[in-house]
Amino acid sequence: MAERVDAVIIGAGVIGLAVGRALALAGREVIILEKNATFGEETSSRNSEVIHAGIQYKTDGVRAALAVKGRDALYRFCAEHHVNHARCGKLLVANGDREVTGLAPLKANAEQNGVDDLTIISGAEARALEPSLQCDAAILSPSSGIVDTHGLMLALVGEVENHGGVLALSSPVTGGRVNAAGLEIDVGGADPVTLQARTVVNCAGLWADRVAHAFEGVPAQSIPQLRYGKGQYFTYSGAAPFQRLIYPLPSPDSQGVHYTRDLGGQAKLGPDITFIDTNTDYSLDETRRDAFAAAARRFWPDIEAAKLQPGYAGIRPKLKGAGEEGDFLFSGVKTHGVAGYLGLYGVESPGLTTCLAVADHAAALIAHSG
């Protein structure tokens, strides 16, 4: 016999934890199911840890609508919950006439997204801020920053548990069924159980499409097929050359190999992007070092390739392929006809930045659907 619960969140990455928190704050009884032995083991712990300003996303998209809200909410949350972060700023650099010409439309796009603090500066002004930098012009983004992702997730878990929610680790979803009362969920692990939930939110990230297909009654045609964008990072063994984040101009499917640093001062480059067929390949290709150095040398001429060391790899759940711009997808009852089920698909960058705004939007959709 199924155990009755109110709301089940599938996946304890930063998105699942934030959604669980939002529902718990709204007074819902929340259980977050996570197949791994701890929270945030996949995409949430294998990224740049950047708080994005919301600059390049297409203006009619979901990411654009949530980026500034999410950025501001994240800074407030980190300050209120003592999560280590830094509003260090970012420079998007341009070299050559074509790239310099591209700065103005990029700034205009950002302004349509609500980003109102950008400034186009000359190469000399950029070098005055960052003496090791090489560029002809740049966009200065003072509201970009970095965050301790693990600390953020710990704070979200604490909020969930303080409001009566439960995080169930090593609890993979193995199947389920749509029924008149909501959804039944088969949960594996050491003590398998079947749960009867009124509300289910699929925040399984790289596994969201497979989880959705495991539920009998969720129409297959409503479930998108995820693509996997793998990115690798190299760390730099020397002193960090820049205080701000340094980015090239973005392409539709990537923000390019960029420079970031963590809160401890460790410099790193990445990610590149390669589309792969599996969502579990975190291997590192050390032969990419020279390519990373060459990409960075356009804005960091003094980089020493020998100081680049393989760091880590991450995989993004993408809805579009190479060269295409993706977006977030909230798939609710209007899409699939299943009351009580909300699927979140393609929540890649800036998922970390927008996690609280994503959660608020998901909670509003659930409340609106009854």
Protein backbone atom coordinates (compact mmCIF):
# COMPACT_ATOMS: atom_id res chain seq x y z
CA MET A 1 0.00 0.00 0.00
CA ALA A 2 1.34 3.41 -0.97
CA GLU A 3 2.35 5.87 1.73
CA ARG A 4 0.51 9.19 1.24
CA VAL A 5 2.57 12.38 1.01
CA ASP A 6 1.77 15.89 -0.14
CA ALA A 7 4.57 17.09 -2.42
CA VAL A 8 7.53 15.16 -3.82
CA ILE A 9 10.52 16.80 -5.47
CA ILE A 10 12.66 14.51 -7.60
CA GLY A 11 16.30 15.58 -7.57
CA ALA A 12 18.35 17.37 -4.90
CA GLY A 13 20.49 19.60 -7.05
CA VAL A 14 20.30 23.33 -6.45
CA ILE A 15 17.01 23.54 -8.41
CA GLY A 16 15.31 20.69 -6.54
CA LEU A 17 16.43 22.06 -3.19
CA ALA A 18 15.20 25.55 -4.07
CA VAL A 19 11.83 24.23 -5.27
CA GLY A 20 11.52 22.13 -2.12
CA ARG A 21 12.25 25.20 -0.02
CA ALA A 22 9.65 27.30 -1.87
CA LEU A 23 6.93 24.69 -1.33
CA ALA A 24 7.91 24.14 2.30
CA LEU A 25 7.74 27.89 2.92
CA ALA A 26 4.25 27.81 1.37
CA GLY A 27 3.18 25.28 4.01
CA ARG A 28 3.41 22.13 1.89
CA GLU A 29 4.62 18.81 3.27
CA VAL A 30 7.75 18.22 1.17
CA ILE A 31 9.93 15.17 0.50
CA ILE A 32 12.96 15.59 -1.79
CA LEU A 33 14.13 12.33 -3.37
CA GLU A 34 17.77 12.07 -4.48
CA LYS A 35 19.26 8.99 -6.13
CA ASN A 36 22.83 9.83 -5.09
CA ALA A 37 24.37 9.53 -1.63
CA THR A 38 24.41 13.29 -1.14
CA PHE A 39 22.82 16.37 -2.67
CA GLY A 40 24.16 18.29 -5.68
CA GLU A 41 26.59 15.65 -6.94
CA GLU A 42 26.11 16.32 -10.64
CA THR A 43 25.53 19.59 -12.53
CA SER A 44 25.18 21.65 -9.36
CA SER A 45 28.71 20.84 -8.20
CA ARG A 46 30.40 20.87 -11.61
CA ASN A 47 30.03 24.41 -12.90
CA SER A 48 31.73 27.81 -12.79
CA GLU A 49 29.99 28.93 -9.55
CA VAL A 50 29.21 32.23 -11.27
CA ILE A 51 26.33 34.53 -10.42
CA HIS A 52 25.33 35.76 -13.86
CA ALA A 53 23.93 39.23 -14.53
CA GLY A 54 21.47 38.10 -17.26
CA ILE A 55 23.15 39.63 -20.29
CA GLN A 56 22.97 37.45 -23.40
CA TYR A 57 19.74 35.42 -23.10
CA LYS A 58 17.12 35.90 -25.81
CA THR A 59 14.73 38.56 -24.66
CA ASP A 60 11.50 36.58 -25.06
CA GLY A 61 12.82 33.51 -23.25
CA VAL A 62 12.27 32.06 -19.80
CA ARG A 63 15.91 32.48 -18.84
CA ALA A 64 15.76 36.18 -19.64
CA ALA A 65 12.58 36.61 -17.60
CA LEU A 66 14.10 34.93 -14.54
CA ALA A 67 17.76 36.00 -14.71
CA VAL A 68 17.67 39.40 -12.99
CA LYS A 69 15.04 38.27 -10.46
CA GLY A 70 17.14 35.23 -9.67
CA ARG A 71 20.41 37.16 -9.46
CA ASP A 72 19.00 39.69 -7.01
CA ALA A 73 17.23 37.02 -4.94
CA LEU A 74 20.42 34.97 -4.75
CA TYR A 75 22.50 37.89 -3.49
CA ARG A 76 19.87 38.60 -0.83
CA PHE A 77 19.66 34.95 0.21
CA CYS A 78 23.44 34.63 0.46
CA ALA A 79 23.68 37.76 2.60
CA GLU A 80 20.83 36.71 4.89
CA HIS A 81 22.06 33.12 5.30
CA HIS A 82 25.81 33.88 5.47
CA VAL A 83 26.63 31.98 2.28
CA ASN A 84 30.10 32.93 1.07
CA HIS A 85 29.93 34.95 -2.16
CA ALA A 86 31.53 37.94 -3.86
CA ARG A 87 30.11 40.55 -6.22
CA CYS A 88 33.43 40.71 -8.04
CA GLY A 89 32.18 41.95 -11.43
CA LYS A 90 32.84 40.72 -14.94
CA LEU A 91 34.39 42.03 -18.15
CA LEU A 92 33.12 40.77 -21.52
CA VAL A 93 36.04 41.50 -23.77
CA ALA A 94 36.21 42.28 -27.47
CA ASN A 95 39.21 42.13 -29.79
CA GLY A 96 39.03 43.33 -33.38
CA ASP A 97 36.49 45.57 -35.10
CA ARG A 98 33.81 42.89 -35.52
CA GLU A 99 33.76 42.01 -31.84
CA VAL A 100 33.90 45.64 -30.73
CA THR A 101 30.90 46.37 -32.95
CA GLY A 102 29.06 43.51 -31.24
CA LEU A 103 29.24 45.08 -27.78
CA ALA A 104 26.48 47.65 -28.32
CA PRO A 105 23.77 45.15 -29.41
CA LEU A 106 24.79 42.82 -26.59
CA LYS A 107 24.37 45.66 -24.09
CA ALA A 108 21.01 46.55 -25.65
CA ASN A 109 19.85 42.94 -25.34
CA ALA A 110 20.86 42.94 -21.68
CA GLU A 111 18.94 46.15 -21.04
CA GLN A 112 15.79 44.57 -22.49
CA ASN A 113 16.34 41.76 -19.97
CA GLY A 114 16.42 44.30 -17.14
CA VAL A 115 20.20 44.51 -16.72
CA ASP A 116 20.65 48.25 -16.19
CA ASP A 117 24.20 48.61 -14.86
CA LEU A 118 26.40 47.75 -17.86
CA THR A 119 29.03 50.10 -19.26
CA ILE A 120 31.00 49.83 -22.50
CA ILE A 121 34.60 50.82 -21.79
CA SER A 122 37.73 51.16 -23.90
CA GLY A 123 40.65 48.78 -23.88
CA ALA A 124 42.68 51.30 -21.89
CA GLU A 125 39.92 51.59 -19.29
CA ALA A 126 39.70 47.82 -19.05
CA ARG A 127 43.48 47.53 -18.55
CA ALA A 128 43.30 50.18 -15.83
CA LEU A 129 40.97 47.79 -13.97
CA GLU A 130 42.88 44.61 -14.89
CA PRO A 131 46.50 45.34 -15.93
CA SER A 132 47.13 41.81 -17.26
CA LEU A 133 44.21 42.07 -19.67
CA GLN A 134 44.40 42.50 -23.45
CA CYS A 135 41.33 43.80 -25.30
CA ASP A 136 40.20 46.60 -27.58
CA ALA A 137 36.99 47.27 -25.64
CA ALA A 138 34.78 45.55 -23.07
CA ILE A 139 31.45 45.53 -21.28
CA LEU A 140 31.81 46.03 -17.54
CA SER A 141 29.18 44.11 -15.56
CA PRO A 142 29.43 45.09 -11.87
CA SER A 143 26.58 42.80 -10.73
CA SER A 144 28.25 39.54 -11.81
CA GLY A 145 29.82 37.48 -9.06
CA ILE A 146 30.76 34.09 -7.62
CA VAL A 147 29.20 31.92 -4.93
CA ASP A 148 30.08 28.92 -2.78
CA THR A 149 27.68 26.43 -4.36
CA HIS A 150 28.05 23.85 -1.62
CA GLY A 151 27.37 26.46 1.04
CA LEU A 152 24.32 27.62 -0.89
CA MET A 153 22.92 24.10 -1.09
CA LEU A 154 23.59 23.51 2.60
CA ALA A 155 21.60 26.66 3.39
CA LEU A 156 18.73 25.50 1.16
CA VAL A 157 18.67 22.08 2.85
CA GLY A 158 18.56 23.82 6.21
CA GLU A 159 15.59 25.92 5.11
CA VAL A 160 13.73 22.87 3.84
CA GLU A 161 14.29 20.93 7.05
CA ASN A 162 13.50 23.94 9.28
CA HIS A 163 10.09 24.11 7.62
CA GLY A 164 9.28 20.44 8.05
CA GLY A 165 10.65 19.10 4.77
CA VAL A 166 12.63 15.87 4.38
CA LEU A 167 15.64 15.11 2.18
CA ALA A 168 15.80 11.39 1.31
CA LEU A 169 19.21 10.42 -0.08
CA SER A 170 20.05 7.19 -1.95
CA SER A 171 16.38 7.09 -2.98
CA PRO A 172 16.15 6.67 -6.75
CA VAL A 173 12.81 6.91 -8.53
CA THR A 174 12.36 3.64 -10.40
CA GLY A 175 8.88 4.18 -11.85
CA GLY A 176 5.42 5.44 -11.16
CA ARG A 177 1.85 5.86 -12.31
CA VAL A 178 -0.63 8.67 -12.79
CA ASN A 179 -3.89 8.02 -10.92
CA ALA A 180 -6.94 9.91 -9.72
CA ALA A 181 -5.22 11.08 -6.53
CA GLY A 182 -2.09 12.39 -8.25
CA LEU A 183 0.95 10.21 -8.89
CA GLU A 184 2.30 7.03 -7.37
CA ILE A 185 6.09 6.95 -7.16
CA ASP A 186 8.16 3.79 -6.83
CA VAL A 187 11.30 4.56 -4.84
CA GLY A 188 14.24 2.16 -4.75
CA GLY A 189 17.24 2.02 -2.47
CA ALA A 190 17.87 0.03 0.69
CA ASP A 191 14.23 0.27 1.78
CA PRO A 192 12.01 0.47 -1.32
CA VAL A 193 8.69 2.21 -0.89
CA THR A 194 5.78 3.46 -2.99
CA LEU A 195 4.57 7.00 -2.34
CA GLN A 196 1.22 8.49 -3.30
CA ALA A 197 1.77 12.21 -3.92
CA ARG A 198 -0.62 15.04 -4.66
CA THR A 199 2.14 17.08 -6.33
CA VAL A 200 5.31 15.87 -8.06
CA VAL A 201 7.99 18.22 -9.39
CA ASN A 202 10.60 16.64 -11.64
CA CYS A 203 13.89 18.45 -10.98
CA ALA A 204 16.09 15.54 -12.00
CA GLY A 205 18.35 17.64 -14.24
CA LEU A 206 20.33 15.35 -16.53
CA TRP A 207 17.83 12.57 -15.83
CA ALA A 208 14.60 14.56 -16.07
CA ASP A 209 13.47 13.11 -19.39
CA ARG A 210 14.15 9.51 -18.28
CA VAL A 211 12.32 10.07 -15.00
CA ALA A 212 9.32 11.46 -16.88
CA HIS A 213 9.24 8.46 -19.23
CA ALA A 214 9.23 6.17 -16.17
CA PHE A 215 5.77 7.49 -15.15
CA GLU A 216 2.89 5.64 -16.78
CA GLY A 217 0.33 8.23 -17.85
CA VAL A 218 2.68 11.13 -18.61
CA PRO A 219 2.32 11.45 -22.41
CA ALA A 220 5.59 10.56 -24.12
CA GLN A 221 5.09 13.29 -26.72
CA SER A 222 5.14 15.91 -23.95
CA ILE A 223 8.64 14.90 -22.79
CA PRO A 224 11.56 16.57 -24.59
CA GLN A 225 14.74 14.65 -25.35
CA LEU A 226 17.65 16.15 -23.49
CA ARG A 227 21.03 16.70 -25.08
CA TYR A 228 24.23 16.60 -23.07
CA GLY A 229 26.70 19.47 -23.33
CA LYS A 230 29.97 18.48 -21.65
CA GLY A 231 32.38 21.14 -20.51
CA GLN A 232 35.87 20.77 -19.11
CA TYR A 233 37.77 23.09 -16.76
CA PHE A 234 41.48 23.63 -16.27
CA THR A 235 42.85 25.17 -13.08
CA TYR A 236 45.84 27.54 -13.06
CA SER A 237 48.67 26.86 -10.65
CA GLY A 238 50.03 30.40 -10.62
CA ALA A 239 48.67 33.49 -8.91
CA ALA A 240 45.22 34.56 -10.12
CA PRO A 241 45.85 37.32 -12.70
CA PHE A 242 42.42 38.99 -12.55
CA GLN A 243 40.06 39.96 -9.76
CA ARG A 244 37.05 40.15 -12.07
CA LEU A 245 35.66 37.39 -14.26
CA ILE A 246 36.84 37.62 -17.87
CA TYR A 247 34.55 36.38 -20.65
CA PRO A 248 34.74 36.39 -24.44
CA LEU A 249 31.62 37.33 -26.37
CA PRO A 250 29.03 34.53 -26.14
CA SER A 251 27.86 32.19 -28.88
CA PRO A 252 24.30 30.76 -29.03
CA ASP A 253 25.20 27.52 -27.23
CA SER A 254 28.07 28.61 -25.01
CA GLN A 255 29.68 31.49 -23.16
CA GLY A 256 33.05 30.36 -24.42
CA VAL A 257 36.22 29.45 -22.56
CA HIS A 258 36.37 32.10 -19.87
CA TYR A 259 38.38 32.99 -16.80
CA THR A 260 36.89 32.63 -13.36
CA ARG A 261 38.26 32.31 -9.86
CA ASP A 262 36.82 30.73 -6.77
CA LEU A 263 36.41 32.36 -3.39
CA GLY A 264 39.76 30.98 -2.30
CA GLY A 265 41.54 32.71 -5.19
CA GLN A 266 42.03 29.63 -7.39
CA ALA A 267 42.02 30.68 -11.07
CA LYS A 268 40.46 28.45 -13.71
CA LEU A 269 39.53 28.42 -17.37
CA GLY A 270 36.47 26.81 -18.90
CA PRO A 271 34.24 25.34 -19.86
CA ASP A 272 34.58 24.34 -23.47
CA ILE A 273 31.59 22.51 -24.94
CA THR A 274 31.27 19.12 -26.61
CA PHE A 275 27.97 17.36 -27.21
CA ILE A 276 28.14 13.76 -26.03
CA ASP A 277 25.77 10.78 -26.01
CA THR A 278 25.93 9.96 -22.30
CA ASN A 279 25.18 11.94 -19.16
CA THR A 280 27.77 10.19 -16.99
CA ASP A 281 31.10 10.84 -18.77
CA TYR A 282 33.12 13.15 -16.49
CA SER A 283 36.49 12.13 -17.90
CA LEU A 284 39.14 14.79 -18.53
CA ASP A 285 41.03 15.27 -21.78
CA GLU A 286 44.45 16.61 -20.83
CA THR A 287 45.33 17.18 -24.49
CA ARG A 288 42.91 20.13 -24.50
CA ARG A 289 45.36 22.23 -22.47
CA ASP A 290 46.95 24.00 -25.44
CA ALA A 291 43.53 24.77 -26.93
CA PHE A 292 42.43 26.33 -23.64
CA ALA A 293 45.62 28.37 -23.45
CA ALA A 294 45.18 29.57 -27.04
CA ALA A 295 41.59 30.65 -26.34
CA ALA A 296 42.61 32.53 -23.21
CA ARG A 297 45.65 34.13 -24.84
CA ARG A 298 43.34 36.43 -26.82
CA PHE A 299 42.59 38.31 -23.60
CA TRP A 300 45.43 37.04 -21.36
CA PRO A 301 48.60 37.23 -23.46
CA ASP A 302 50.95 36.25 -20.63
CA ILE A 303 49.26 32.97 -19.73
CA GLU A 304 51.70 30.10 -19.21
CA ALA A 305 50.17 26.96 -20.68
CA ALA A 306 52.38 24.73 -18.51
CA LYS A 307 50.58 26.04 -15.41
CA LEU A 308 47.20 24.76 -16.61
CA GLN A 309 46.19 21.54 -14.89
CA PRO A 310 43.13 19.38 -15.65
CA GLY A 311 40.43 20.34 -13.18
CA TYR A 312 37.00 18.78 -13.57
CA ALA A 313 34.21 18.30 -16.09
CA GLY A 314 30.50 19.01 -15.94
CA ILE A 315 27.51 18.14 -18.10
CA ARG A 316 24.56 20.41 -18.86
CA PRO A 317 21.05 19.19 -19.66
CA LYS A 318 20.30 21.06 -22.87
CA LEU A 319 17.16 21.26 -25.00
CA LYS A 320 19.01 22.37 -28.13
CA GLY A 321 22.02 21.08 -30.02
CA ALA A 322 25.31 22.57 -31.13
CA GLY A 323 25.06 26.17 -32.29
CA GLU A 324 21.49 26.61 -31.00
CA GLU A 325 20.30 28.66 -28.05
CA GLY A 326 18.27 26.70 -25.54
CA ASP A 327 15.97 27.76 -22.72
CA PHE A 328 14.28 26.43 -19.60
CA LEU A 329 11.04 24.47 -20.01
CA PHE A 330 8.34 24.28 -17.31
CA SER A 331 6.00 21.52 -18.45
CA GLY A 332 2.72 21.68 -16.55
CA VAL A 333 -0.84 20.43 -16.85
CA LYS A 334 -1.57 22.64 -19.88
CA THR A 335 1.18 20.79 -21.75
CA HIS A 336 0.62 17.17 -20.72
CA GLY A 337 -2.80 17.09 -19.04
CA VAL A 338 -1.56 15.43 -15.83
CA ALA A 339 -2.82 17.27 -12.76
CA GLY A 340 -0.21 17.56 -10.05
CA TYR A 341 2.86 16.96 -12.26
CA LEU A 342 5.38 19.66 -13.18
CA GLY A 343 8.45 18.79 -15.23
CA LEU A 344 11.48 21.08 -15.35
CA TYR A 345 13.63 20.39 -18.40
CA GLY A 346 16.77 21.98 -19.81
CA VAL A 347 17.60 23.96 -16.67
CA GLU A 348 21.23 24.60 -17.48
CA SER A 349 23.11 27.90 -17.14
CA PRO A 350 22.07 30.18 -15.47
CA GLY A 351 20.30 27.59 -13.33
CA LEU A 352 22.50 28.29 -10.32
CA THR A 353 21.91 32.04 -10.56
CA THR A 354 18.17 31.68 -11.09
CA CYS A 355 17.47 28.80 -8.68
CA LEU A 356 15.31 30.88 -6.33
CA ALA A 357 13.41 32.53 -9.19
CA VAL A 358 12.91 29.14 -10.85
CA ALA A 359 11.55 27.84 -7.55
CA ASP A 360 9.15 30.76 -7.13
CA HIS A 361 7.91 30.32 -10.71
CA ALA A 362 7.41 26.58 -10.17
CA ALA A 363 5.54 27.20 -6.91
CA ALA A 364 3.29 29.76 -8.62
CA LEU A 365 2.48 27.32 -11.44
CA ILE A 366 1.60 24.63 -8.91
CA ALA A 367 -0.57 26.98 -6.89
CA HIS A 368 -2.34 28.23 -10.02
CA SER A 369 -3.07 24.68 -11.18
CA GLY A 370 -4.67 23.88 -7.82
